[in-house]
Each structure stands twice: as C-alpha cells, then as structure tokens.
Full PDB file with SEQRES, HELIX, SHEET, SSBOND, CRYST1, ORIGX, SCALE, CONECT and MASTER records, all heavy atoms in Angstrom:
SEQRES   1 A   36  ILE GLU LYS SER LYS ASP GLU LEU ILE THR ASN VAL SER          
SEQRES   2 A   36  HIS ASP ILE ARG THR PRO LEU THR SER ILE ILE GLY TYR          
SEQRES   3 A   36  LEU GLY LEU LEU LYS SER GLY ALA ALA LEU                      
HELIX    1 AA1 GLU A    2  SER A   32  1                                  31    
CRYST1    1.000    1.000    1.000  90.00  90.00  90.00 P 1           1          
ORIGX1      1.000000  0.000000  0.000000        0.00000                         
ORIGX2      0.000000  1.000000  0.000000        0.00000                         
ORIGX3      0.000000  0.000000  1.000000        0.00000                         
SCALE1      1.000000  0.000000  0.000000        0.00000                         
SCALE2      0.000000  1.000000  0.000000        0.00000                         
SCALE3      0.000000  0.000000  1.000000        0.00000                         
ATOM      1  N   ILE A   1      63.423 166.561 -27.100  1.00  0.00           N  
ATOM      2  CA  ILE A   1      63.714 167.299 -28.321  1.00  0.00           C  
ATOM      3  C   ILE A   1      63.413 168.778 -28.136  1.00  0.00           C  
ATOM      4  O   ILE A   1      64.200 169.655 -28.528  1.00  0.00           O  
ATOM      5  CB  ILE A   1      62.900 166.724 -29.504  1.00  0.00           C  
ATOM      6  CG1 ILE A   1      63.427 165.324 -29.869  1.00  0.00           C  
ATOM      7  CG2 ILE A   1      62.985 167.640 -30.718  1.00  0.00           C  
ATOM      8  CD1 ILE A   1      62.564 164.610 -30.899  1.00  0.00           C  
ATOM      9  N   GLU A   2      62.268 169.075 -27.508  1.00  0.00           N  
ATOM     10  CA  GLU A   2      61.904 170.476 -27.260  1.00  0.00           C  
ATOM     11  C   GLU A   2      62.916 171.138 -26.331  1.00  0.00           C  
ATOM     12  O   GLU A   2      63.312 172.293 -26.540  1.00  0.00           O  
ATOM     13  CB  GLU A   2      60.499 170.548 -26.647  1.00  0.00           C  
ATOM     14  CG  GLU A   2      59.377 170.210 -27.611  1.00  0.00           C  
ATOM     15  CD  GLU A   2      59.324 171.175 -28.783  1.00  0.00           C  
ATOM     16  OE1 GLU A   2      59.555 172.391 -28.566  1.00  0.00           O  
ATOM     17  OE2 GLU A   2      59.072 170.730 -29.914  1.00  0.00           O  
ATOM     18  N   LYS A   3      63.319 170.389 -25.291  1.00  0.00           N  
ATOM     19  CA  LYS A   3      64.316 170.928 -24.369  1.00  0.00           C  
ATOM     20  C   LYS A   3      65.632 171.163 -25.082  1.00  0.00           C  
ATOM     21  O   LYS A   3      66.316 172.180 -24.869  1.00  0.00           O  
ATOM     22  CB  LYS A   3      64.510 169.967 -23.200  1.00  0.00           C  
ATOM     23  CG  LYS A   3      65.502 170.457 -22.154  1.00  0.00           C  
ATOM     24  CD  LYS A   3      65.669 169.456 -21.031  1.00  0.00           C  
ATOM     25  CE  LYS A   3      66.694 169.944 -20.013  1.00  0.00           C  
ATOM     26  NZ  LYS A   3      66.908 168.944 -18.927  1.00  0.00           N  
ATOM     27  N   SER A   4      65.999 170.235 -25.960  1.00  0.00           N  
ATOM     28  CA  SER A   4      67.238 170.362 -26.722  1.00  0.00           C  
ATOM     29  C   SER A   4      67.197 171.578 -27.626  1.00  0.00           C  
ATOM     30  O   SER A   4      68.187 172.297 -27.778  1.00  0.00           O  
ATOM     31  CB  SER A   4      67.486 169.085 -27.539  1.00  0.00           C  
ATOM     32  OG  SER A   4      68.689 169.187 -28.270  1.00  0.00           O  
ATOM     33  N   LYS A   5      66.037 171.820 -28.246  1.00  0.00           N  
ATOM     34  CA  LYS A   5      65.900 172.994 -29.112  1.00  0.00           C  
ATOM     35  C   LYS A   5      66.050 174.280 -28.312  1.00  0.00           C  
ATOM     36  O   LYS A   5      66.716 175.229 -28.743  1.00  0.00           O  
ATOM     37  CB  LYS A   5      64.531 172.965 -29.813  1.00  0.00           C  
ATOM     38  CG  LYS A   5      64.406 171.909 -30.894  1.00  0.00           C  
ATOM     39  CD  LYS A   5      63.007 171.946 -31.511  1.00  0.00           C  
ATOM     40  CE  LYS A   5      62.862 170.880 -32.602  1.00  0.00           C  
ATOM     41  NZ  LYS A   5      61.495 170.871 -33.180  1.00  0.00           N  
ATOM     42  N   ASP A   6      65.407 174.294 -27.133  1.00  0.00           N  
ATOM     43  CA  ASP A   6      65.513 175.484 -26.287  1.00  0.00           C  
ATOM     44  C   ASP A   6      66.963 175.724 -25.864  1.00  0.00           C  
ATOM     45  O   ASP A   6      67.439 176.866 -25.857  1.00  0.00           O  
ATOM     46  CB  ASP A   6      64.634 175.324 -25.045  1.00  0.00           C  
ATOM     47  CG  ASP A   6      63.147 175.319 -25.387  1.00  0.00           C  
ATOM     48  OD1 ASP A   6      62.788 175.804 -26.480  1.00  0.00           O  
ATOM     49  OD2 ASP A   6      62.342 174.813 -24.574  1.00  0.00           O  
ATOM     50  N   GLU A   7      67.643 174.637 -25.488  1.00  0.00           N  
ATOM     51  CA  GLU A   7      69.054 174.764 -25.089  1.00  0.00           C  
ATOM     52  C   GLU A   7      69.908 175.222 -26.260  1.00  0.00           C  
ATOM     53  O   GLU A   7      70.845 176.013 -26.089  1.00  0.00           O  
ATOM     54  CB  GLU A   7      69.570 173.438 -24.546  1.00  0.00           C  
ATOM     55  CG  GLU A   7      68.971 173.051 -23.194  1.00  0.00           C  
ATOM     56  CD  GLU A   7      69.442 171.694 -22.727  1.00  0.00           C  
ATOM     57  OE1 GLU A   7      70.070 170.969 -23.553  1.00  0.00           O  
ATOM     58  OE2 GLU A   7      69.196 171.342 -21.557  1.00  0.00           O  
ATOM     59  N   LEU A   8      69.588 174.707 -27.461  1.00  0.00           N  
ATOM     60  CA  LEU A   8      70.336 175.118 -28.650  1.00  0.00           C  
ATOM     61  C   LEU A   8      70.224 176.620 -28.866  1.00  0.00           C  
ATOM     62  O   LEU A   8      71.223 177.318 -29.079  1.00  0.00           O  
ATOM     63  CB  LEU A   8      69.811 174.367 -29.870  1.00  0.00           C  
ATOM     64  CG  LEU A   8      70.376 174.793 -31.234  1.00  0.00           C  
ATOM     65  CD1 LEU A   8      71.871 174.547 -31.285  1.00  0.00           C  
ATOM     66  CD2 LEU A   8      69.669 174.065 -32.363  1.00  0.00           C  
ATOM     67  N   ILE A   9      68.987 177.140 -28.800  1.00  0.00           N  
ATOM     68  CA  ILE A   9      68.782 178.572 -28.994  1.00  0.00           C  
ATOM     69  C   ILE A   9      69.494 179.372 -27.906  1.00  0.00           C  
ATOM     70  O   ILE A   9      70.163 180.378 -28.182  1.00  0.00           O  
ATOM     71  CB  ILE A   9      67.267 178.891 -28.987  1.00  0.00           C  
ATOM     72  CG1 ILE A   9      66.586 178.230 -30.194  1.00  0.00           C  
ATOM     73  CG2 ILE A   9      67.026 180.399 -29.007  1.00  0.00           C  
ATOM     74  CD1 ILE A   9      65.076 178.333 -30.157  1.00  0.00           C  
ATOM     75  N   THR A  10      69.381 178.911 -26.651  1.00  0.00           N  
ATOM     76  CA  THR A  10      70.021 179.613 -25.539  1.00  0.00           C  
ATOM     77  C   THR A  10      71.535 179.636 -25.691  1.00  0.00           C  
ATOM     78  O   THR A  10      72.168 180.685 -25.530  1.00  0.00           O  
ATOM     79  CB  THR A  10      69.639 178.949 -24.210  1.00  0.00           C  
ATOM     80  OG1 THR A  10      68.224 178.972 -24.057  1.00  0.00           O  
ATOM     81  CG2 THR A  10      70.280 179.669 -23.035  1.00  0.00           C  
ATOM     82  N   ASN A  11      72.108 178.474 -26.002  1.00  0.00           N  
ATOM     83  CA  ASN A  11      73.568 178.378 -26.093  1.00  0.00           C  
ATOM     84  C   ASN A  11      74.121 179.176 -27.279  1.00  0.00           C  
ATOM     85  O   ASN A  11      75.133 179.861 -27.156  1.00  0.00           O  
ATOM     86  CB  ASN A  11      73.986 176.918 -26.213  1.00  0.00           C  
ATOM     87  CG  ASN A  11      73.729 176.133 -24.929  1.00  0.00           C  
ATOM     88  OD1 ASN A  11      73.787 176.694 -23.842  1.00  0.00           O  
ATOM     89  ND2 ASN A  11      73.410 174.854 -25.061  1.00  0.00           N  
ATOM     90  N   VAL A  12      73.444 179.055 -28.434  1.00  0.00           N  
ATOM     91  CA  VAL A  12      73.903 179.812 -29.592  1.00  0.00           C  
ATOM     92  C   VAL A  12      73.799 181.309 -29.339  1.00  0.00           C  
ATOM     93  O   VAL A  12      74.716 182.077 -29.666  1.00  0.00           O  
ATOM     94  CB  VAL A  12      73.088 179.414 -30.854  1.00  0.00           C  
ATOM     95  CG1 VAL A  12      73.406 180.351 -32.004  1.00  0.00           C  
ATOM     96  CG2 VAL A  12      73.400 177.984 -31.255  1.00  0.00           C  
ATOM     97  N   SER A  13      72.684 181.728 -28.715  1.00  0.00           N  
ATOM     98  CA  SER A  13      72.506 183.149 -28.417  1.00  0.00           C  
ATOM     99  C   SER A  13      73.612 183.644 -27.485  1.00  0.00           C  
ATOM    100  O   SER A  13      74.170 184.724 -27.688  1.00  0.00           O  
ATOM    101  CB  SER A  13      71.134 183.373 -27.759  1.00  0.00           C  
ATOM    102  OG  SER A  13      70.099 182.989 -28.627  1.00  0.00           O  
ATOM    103  N   HIS A  14      73.936 182.835 -26.481  1.00  0.00           N  
ATOM    104  CA  HIS A  14      74.974 183.228 -25.534  1.00  0.00           C  
ATOM    105  C   HIS A  14      76.337 183.294 -26.205  1.00  0.00           C  
ATOM    106  O   HIS A  14      77.079 184.273 -26.040  1.00  0.00           O  
ATOM    107  CB  HIS A  14      75.022 182.221 -24.368  1.00  0.00           C  
ATOM    108  CG  HIS A  14      76.044 182.545 -23.329  1.00  0.00           C  
ATOM    109  ND1 HIS A  14      77.383 182.273 -23.488  1.00  0.00           N  
ATOM    110  CD2 HIS A  14      75.919 183.127 -22.103  1.00  0.00           C  
ATOM    111  CE1 HIS A  14      78.052 182.655 -22.415  1.00  0.00           C  
ATOM    112  NE2 HIS A  14      77.187 183.183 -21.564  1.00  0.00           N  
ATOM    113  N   ASP A  15      76.658 182.258 -26.986  1.00  0.00           N  
ATOM    114  CA  ASP A  15      77.987 182.207 -27.588  1.00  0.00           C  
ATOM    115  C   ASP A  15      78.173 183.249 -28.692  1.00  0.00           C  
ATOM    116  O   ASP A  15      79.301 183.592 -29.025  1.00  0.00           O  
ATOM    117  CB  ASP A  15      78.234 180.800 -28.148  1.00  0.00           C  
ATOM    118  CG  ASP A  15      78.491 179.792 -27.047  1.00  0.00           C  
ATOM    119  OD1 ASP A  15      78.682 180.214 -25.899  1.00  0.00           O  
ATOM    120  OD2 ASP A  15      78.484 178.575 -27.330  1.00  0.00           O  
ATOM    121  N   ILE A  16      77.083 183.708 -29.273  1.00  0.00           N  
ATOM    122  CA  ILE A  16      77.179 184.778 -30.269  1.00  0.00           C  
ATOM    123  C   ILE A  16      77.185 186.149 -29.582  1.00  0.00           C  
ATOM    124  O   ILE A  16      77.941 187.047 -29.965  1.00  0.00           O  
ATOM    125  CB  ILE A  16      76.026 184.687 -31.282  1.00  0.00           C  
ATOM    126  CG1 ILE A  16      76.213 183.466 -32.194  1.00  0.00           C  
ATOM    127  CG2 ILE A  16      75.927 185.952 -32.126  1.00  0.00           C  
ATOM    128  CD1 ILE A  16      75.100 183.277 -33.213  1.00  0.00           C  
ATOM    129  N   ARG A  17      76.350 186.277 -28.572  1.00  0.00           N  
ATOM    130  CA  ARG A  17      76.201 187.588 -27.915  1.00  0.00           C  
ATOM    131  C   ARG A  17      77.483 188.022 -27.213  1.00  0.00           C  
ATOM    132  O   ARG A  17      77.853 189.204 -27.256  1.00  0.00           O  
ATOM    133  CB  ARG A  17      75.059 187.510 -26.908  1.00  0.00           C  
ATOM    134  CG  ARG A  17      74.772 188.844 -26.213  1.00  0.00           C  
ATOM    135  CD  ARG A  17      73.647 188.667 -25.216  1.00  0.00           C  
ATOM    136  NE  ARG A  17      74.001 187.654 -24.216  1.00  0.00           N  
ATOM    137  CZ  ARG A  17      73.108 187.110 -23.398  1.00  0.00           C  
ATOM    138  NH1 ARG A  17      71.825 187.436 -23.494  1.00  0.00           N  
ATOM    139  NH2 ARG A  17      73.504 186.216 -22.517  1.00  0.00           N  
ATOM    140  N   THR A  18      78.194 187.062 -26.574  1.00  0.00           N  
ATOM    141  CA  THR A  18      79.381 187.417 -25.802  1.00  0.00           C  
ATOM    142  C   THR A  18      80.459 188.068 -26.669  1.00  0.00           C  
ATOM    143  O   THR A  18      80.907 189.186 -26.369  1.00  0.00           O  
ATOM    144  CB  THR A  18      79.942 186.176 -25.077  1.00  0.00           C  
ATOM    145  OG1 THR A  18      78.921 185.644 -24.229  1.00  0.00           O  
ATOM    146  CG2 THR A  18      81.153 186.529 -24.243  1.00  0.00           C  
ATOM    147  N   PRO A  19      80.917 187.419 -27.749  1.00  0.00           N  
ATOM    148  CA  PRO A  19      81.914 188.116 -28.595  1.00  0.00           C  
ATOM    149  C   PRO A  19      81.343 189.319 -29.322  1.00  0.00           C  
ATOM    150  O   PRO A  19      82.063 190.302 -29.554  1.00  0.00           O  
ATOM    151  CB  PRO A  19      82.362 187.025 -29.577  1.00  0.00           C  
ATOM    152  CG  PRO A  19      81.246 186.047 -29.610  1.00  0.00           C  
ATOM    153  CD  PRO A  19      80.632 186.075 -28.244  1.00  0.00           C  
ATOM    154  N   LEU A  20      80.059 189.240 -29.677  1.00  0.00           N  
ATOM    155  CA  LEU A  20      79.451 190.358 -30.387  1.00  0.00           C  
ATOM    156  C   LEU A  20      79.419 191.613 -29.516  1.00  0.00           C  
ATOM    157  O   LEU A  20      79.642 192.736 -29.996  1.00  0.00           O  
ATOM    158  CB  LEU A  20      78.042 189.991 -30.835  1.00  0.00           C  
ATOM    159  CG  LEU A  20      77.329 191.002 -31.756  1.00  0.00           C  
ATOM    160  CD1 LEU A  20      78.133 191.208 -33.021  1.00  0.00           C  
ATOM    161  CD2 LEU A  20      75.932 190.510 -32.094  1.00  0.00           C  
ATOM    162  N   THR A  21      79.158 191.431 -28.230  1.00  0.00           N  
ATOM    163  CA  THR A  21      79.165 192.572 -27.299  1.00  0.00           C  
ATOM    164  C   THR A  21      80.548 193.222 -27.247  1.00  0.00           C  
ATOM    165  O   THR A  21      80.675 194.451 -27.248  1.00  0.00           O  
ATOM    166  CB  THR A  21      78.743 192.099 -25.898  1.00  0.00           C  
ATOM    167  OG1 THR A  21      77.441 191.527 -25.967  1.00  0.00           O  
ATOM    168  CG2 THR A  21      78.746 193.250 -24.911  1.00  0.00           C  
ATOM    169  N   SER A  22      81.578 192.365 -27.216  1.00  0.00           N  
ATOM    170  CA  SER A  22      82.950 192.895 -27.203  1.00  0.00           C  
ATOM    171  C   SER A  22      83.268 193.646 -28.500  1.00  0.00           C  
ATOM    172  O   SER A  22      83.871 194.724 -28.482  1.00  0.00           O  
ATOM    173  CB  SER A  22      83.951 191.753 -26.988  1.00  0.00           C  
ATOM    174  OG  SER A  22      83.747 191.141 -25.750  1.00  0.00           O  
ATOM    175  N   ILE A  23      82.871 193.061 -29.616  1.00  0.00           N  
ATOM    176  CA  ILE A  23      83.133 193.699 -30.920  1.00  0.00           C  
ATOM    177  C   ILE A  23      82.473 195.073 -30.992  1.00  0.00           C  
ATOM    178  O   ILE A  23      83.097 196.063 -31.375  1.00  0.00           O  
ATOM    179  CB  ILE A  23      82.632 192.789 -32.063  1.00  0.00           C  
ATOM    180  CG1 ILE A  23      83.472 191.523 -32.132  1.00  0.00           C  
ATOM    181  CG2 ILE A  23      82.677 193.539 -33.396  1.00  0.00           C  
ATOM    182  CD1 ILE A  23      82.933 190.493 -33.111  1.00  0.00           C  
ATOM    183  N   ILE A  24      81.184 195.121 -30.609  1.00  0.00           N  
ATOM    184  CA  ILE A  24      80.459 196.392 -30.656  1.00  0.00           C  
ATOM    185  C   ILE A  24      81.085 197.406 -29.706  1.00  0.00           C  
ATOM    186  O   ILE A  24      81.218 198.599 -30.038  1.00  0.00           O  
ATOM    187  CB  ILE A  24      78.971 196.167 -30.294  1.00  0.00           C  
ATOM    188  CG1 ILE A  24      78.286 195.328 -31.380  1.00  0.00           C  
ATOM    189  CG2 ILE A  24      78.245 197.493 -30.110  1.00  0.00           C  
ATOM    190  CD1 ILE A  24      76.875 194.912 -31.035  1.00  0.00           C  
ATOM    191  N   GLY A  25      81.505 196.937 -28.518  1.00  0.00           N  
ATOM    192  CA  GLY A  25      82.114 197.848 -27.549  1.00  0.00           C  
ATOM    193  C   GLY A  25      83.403 198.458 -28.059  1.00  0.00           C  
ATOM    194  O   GLY A  25      83.597 199.685 -27.989  1.00  0.00           O  
ATOM    195  N   TYR A  26      84.305 197.617 -28.562  1.00  0.00           N  
ATOM    196  CA  TYR A  26      85.600 198.143 -29.035  1.00  0.00           C  
ATOM    197  C   TYR A  26      85.439 198.968 -30.314  1.00  0.00           C  
ATOM    198  O   TYR A  26      86.106 199.996 -30.477  1.00  0.00           O  
ATOM    199  CB  TYR A  26      86.573 196.993 -29.260  1.00  0.00           C  
ATOM    200  CG  TYR A  26      87.068 196.389 -27.971  1.00  0.00           C  
ATOM    201  CD1 TYR A  26      86.749 195.083 -27.609  1.00  0.00           C  
ATOM    202  CD2 TYR A  26      87.851 197.140 -27.088  1.00  0.00           C  
ATOM    203  CE1 TYR A  26      87.204 194.537 -26.413  1.00  0.00           C  
ATOM    204  CE2 TYR A  26      88.305 196.595 -25.895  1.00  0.00           C  
ATOM    205  CZ  TYR A  26      87.973 195.292 -25.562  1.00  0.00           C  
ATOM    206  OH  TYR A  26      88.424 194.771 -24.378  1.00  0.00           O  
ATOM    207  N   LEU A  27      84.572 198.537 -31.219  1.00  0.00           N  
ATOM    208  CA  LEU A  27      84.339 199.337 -32.418  1.00  0.00           C  
ATOM    209  C   LEU A  27      83.690 200.670 -32.061  1.00  0.00           C  
ATOM    210  O   LEU A  27      83.941 201.694 -32.724  1.00  0.00           O  
ATOM    211  CB  LEU A  27      83.454 198.559 -33.409  1.00  0.00           C  
ATOM    212  CG  LEU A  27      84.094 197.336 -34.077  1.00  0.00           C  
ATOM    213  CD1 LEU A  27      83.110 196.673 -35.029  1.00  0.00           C  
ATOM    214  CD2 LEU A  27      85.365 197.740 -34.832  1.00  0.00           C  
ATOM    215  N   GLY A  28      82.848 200.660 -31.018  1.00  0.00           N  
ATOM    216  CA  GLY A  28      82.243 201.912 -30.556  1.00  0.00           C  
ATOM    217  C   GLY A  28      83.293 202.887 -30.057  1.00  0.00           C  
ATOM    218  O   GLY A  28      83.212 204.100 -30.311  1.00  0.00           O  
ATOM    219  N   LEU A  29      84.277 202.365 -29.322  1.00  0.00           N  
ATOM    220  CA  LEU A  29      85.365 203.233 -28.849  1.00  0.00           C  
ATOM    221  C   LEU A  29      86.146 203.824 -30.002  1.00  0.00           C  
ATOM    222  O   LEU A  29      86.483 205.023 -30.003  1.00  0.00           O  
ATOM    223  CB  LEU A  29      86.291 202.421 -27.940  1.00  0.00           C  
ATOM    224  CG  LEU A  29      85.759 202.026 -26.560  1.00  0.00           C  
ATOM    225  CD1 LEU A  29      86.740 201.109 -25.844  1.00  0.00           C  
ATOM    226  CD2 LEU A  29      85.489 203.276 -25.710  1.00  0.00           C  
ATOM    227  N   LEU A  30      86.423 202.979 -31.008  1.00  0.00           N  
ATOM    228  CA  LEU A  30      87.175 203.464 -32.166  1.00  0.00           C  
ATOM    229  C   LEU A  30      86.364 204.490 -32.959  1.00  0.00           C  
ATOM    230  O   LEU A  30      86.888 205.504 -33.443  1.00  0.00           O  
ATOM    231  CB  LEU A  30      87.547 202.283 -33.061  1.00  0.00           C  
ATOM    232  CG  LEU A  30      88.531 201.273 -32.458  1.00  0.00           C  
ATOM    233  CD1 LEU A  30      88.676 200.061 -33.374  1.00  0.00           C  
ATOM    234  CD2 LEU A  30      89.901 201.911 -32.226  1.00  0.00           C  
ATOM    235  N   LYS A  31      85.049 204.217 -33.114  1.00  0.00           N  
ATOM    236  CA  LYS A  31      84.199 205.125 -33.891  1.00  0.00           C  
ATOM    237  C   LYS A  31      84.050 206.482 -33.208  1.00  0.00           C  
ATOM    238  O   LYS A  31      84.045 207.533 -33.880  1.00  0.00           O  
ATOM    239  CB  LYS A  31      82.824 204.476 -34.080  1.00  0.00           C  
ATOM    240  CG  LYS A  31      81.867 205.328 -34.905  1.00  0.00           C  
ATOM    241  CD  LYS A  31      80.529 204.639 -35.050  1.00  0.00           C  
ATOM    242  CE  LYS A  31      79.568 205.509 -35.866  1.00  0.00           C  
ATOM    243  NZ  LYS A  31      78.237 204.852 -35.991  1.00  0.00           N  
ATOM    244  N   SER A  32      83.947 206.469 -31.895  1.00  0.00           N  
ATOM    245  CA  SER A  32      83.741 207.719 -31.168  1.00  0.00           C  
ATOM    246  C   SER A  32      85.024 208.513 -30.993  1.00  0.00           C  
ATOM    247  O   SER A  32      84.987 209.673 -30.595  1.00  0.00           O  
ATOM    248  CB  SER A  32      83.135 207.427 -29.795  1.00  0.00           C  
ATOM    249  OG  SER A  32      84.043 206.681 -28.985  1.00  0.00           O  
ATOM    250  N   GLY A  33      86.149 207.877 -31.264  1.00  0.00           N  
ATOM    251  CA  GLY A  33      87.430 208.566 -31.103  1.00  0.00           C  
ATOM    252  C   GLY A  33      87.894 208.604 -29.677  1.00  0.00           C  
ATOM    253  O   GLY A  33      88.866 209.306 -29.354  1.00  0.00           O  
ATOM    254  N   ALA A  34      87.241 207.865 -28.782  1.00  0.00           N  
ATOM    255  CA  ALA A  34      87.607 207.874 -27.369  1.00  0.00           C  
ATOM    256  C   ALA A  34      88.852 207.040 -27.096  1.00  0.00           C  
ATOM    257  O   ALA A  34      89.483 207.194 -26.049  1.00  0.00           O  
ATOM    258  CB  ALA A  34      86.450 207.377 -26.512  1.00  0.00           C  
ATOM    259  N   ALA A  35      89.191 206.151 -28.042  1.00  0.00           N  
ATOM    260  CA  ALA A  35      90.349 205.277 -27.829  1.00  0.00           C  
ATOM    261  C   ALA A  35      91.636 206.041 -28.059  1.00  0.00           C  
ATOM    262  O   ALA A  35      91.752 206.867 -28.989  1.00  0.00           O  
ATOM    263  CB  ALA A  35      90.271 204.093 -28.771  1.00  0.00           C  
ATOM    264  N   LEU A  36      92.605 205.780 -27.224  1.00  0.00           N  
ATOM    265  CA  LEU A  36      93.915 206.383 -27.386  1.00  0.00           C  
ATOM    266  C   LEU A  36      94.616 205.785 -28.611  1.00  0.00           C  
ATOM    267  O   LEU A  36      94.395 204.616 -28.933  1.00  0.00           O  
ATOM    268  CB  LEU A  36      94.763 206.151 -26.137  1.00  0.00           C  
ATOM    269  CG  LEU A  36      94.219 206.778 -24.828  1.00  0.00           C  
ATOM    270  CD1 LEU A  36      95.080 206.360 -23.649  1.00  0.00           C  
ATOM    271  CD2 LEU A  36      94.161 208.306 -24.950  1.00  0.00           C  
TER     272      LEU A  36                                                      
MASTER        0    0    0    1    0    0    0    6  271    1    0    3          
END                                                                             
C-alpha cells in the first residue's frame, strides 16, 4: 500500500508536470512576444 501510494504520487506528478511544462513554455513565448 505504501509503495502504491508512492507510485501514485510519482505518476500523477509526472503526468501533470509534463503537459504543464509545455503549457507554461508556450504561454511564456506568447506573453513575452517572442512568438512569431
């Protein structure tokens, strides 16, 4: 159960962080005006 909880936190963190990183990156480009 403890291992499952740790895996749950790890997997959720990974699956949220990956798209979130992309969102922040592209929104950052738009906000800074660097995007064509």
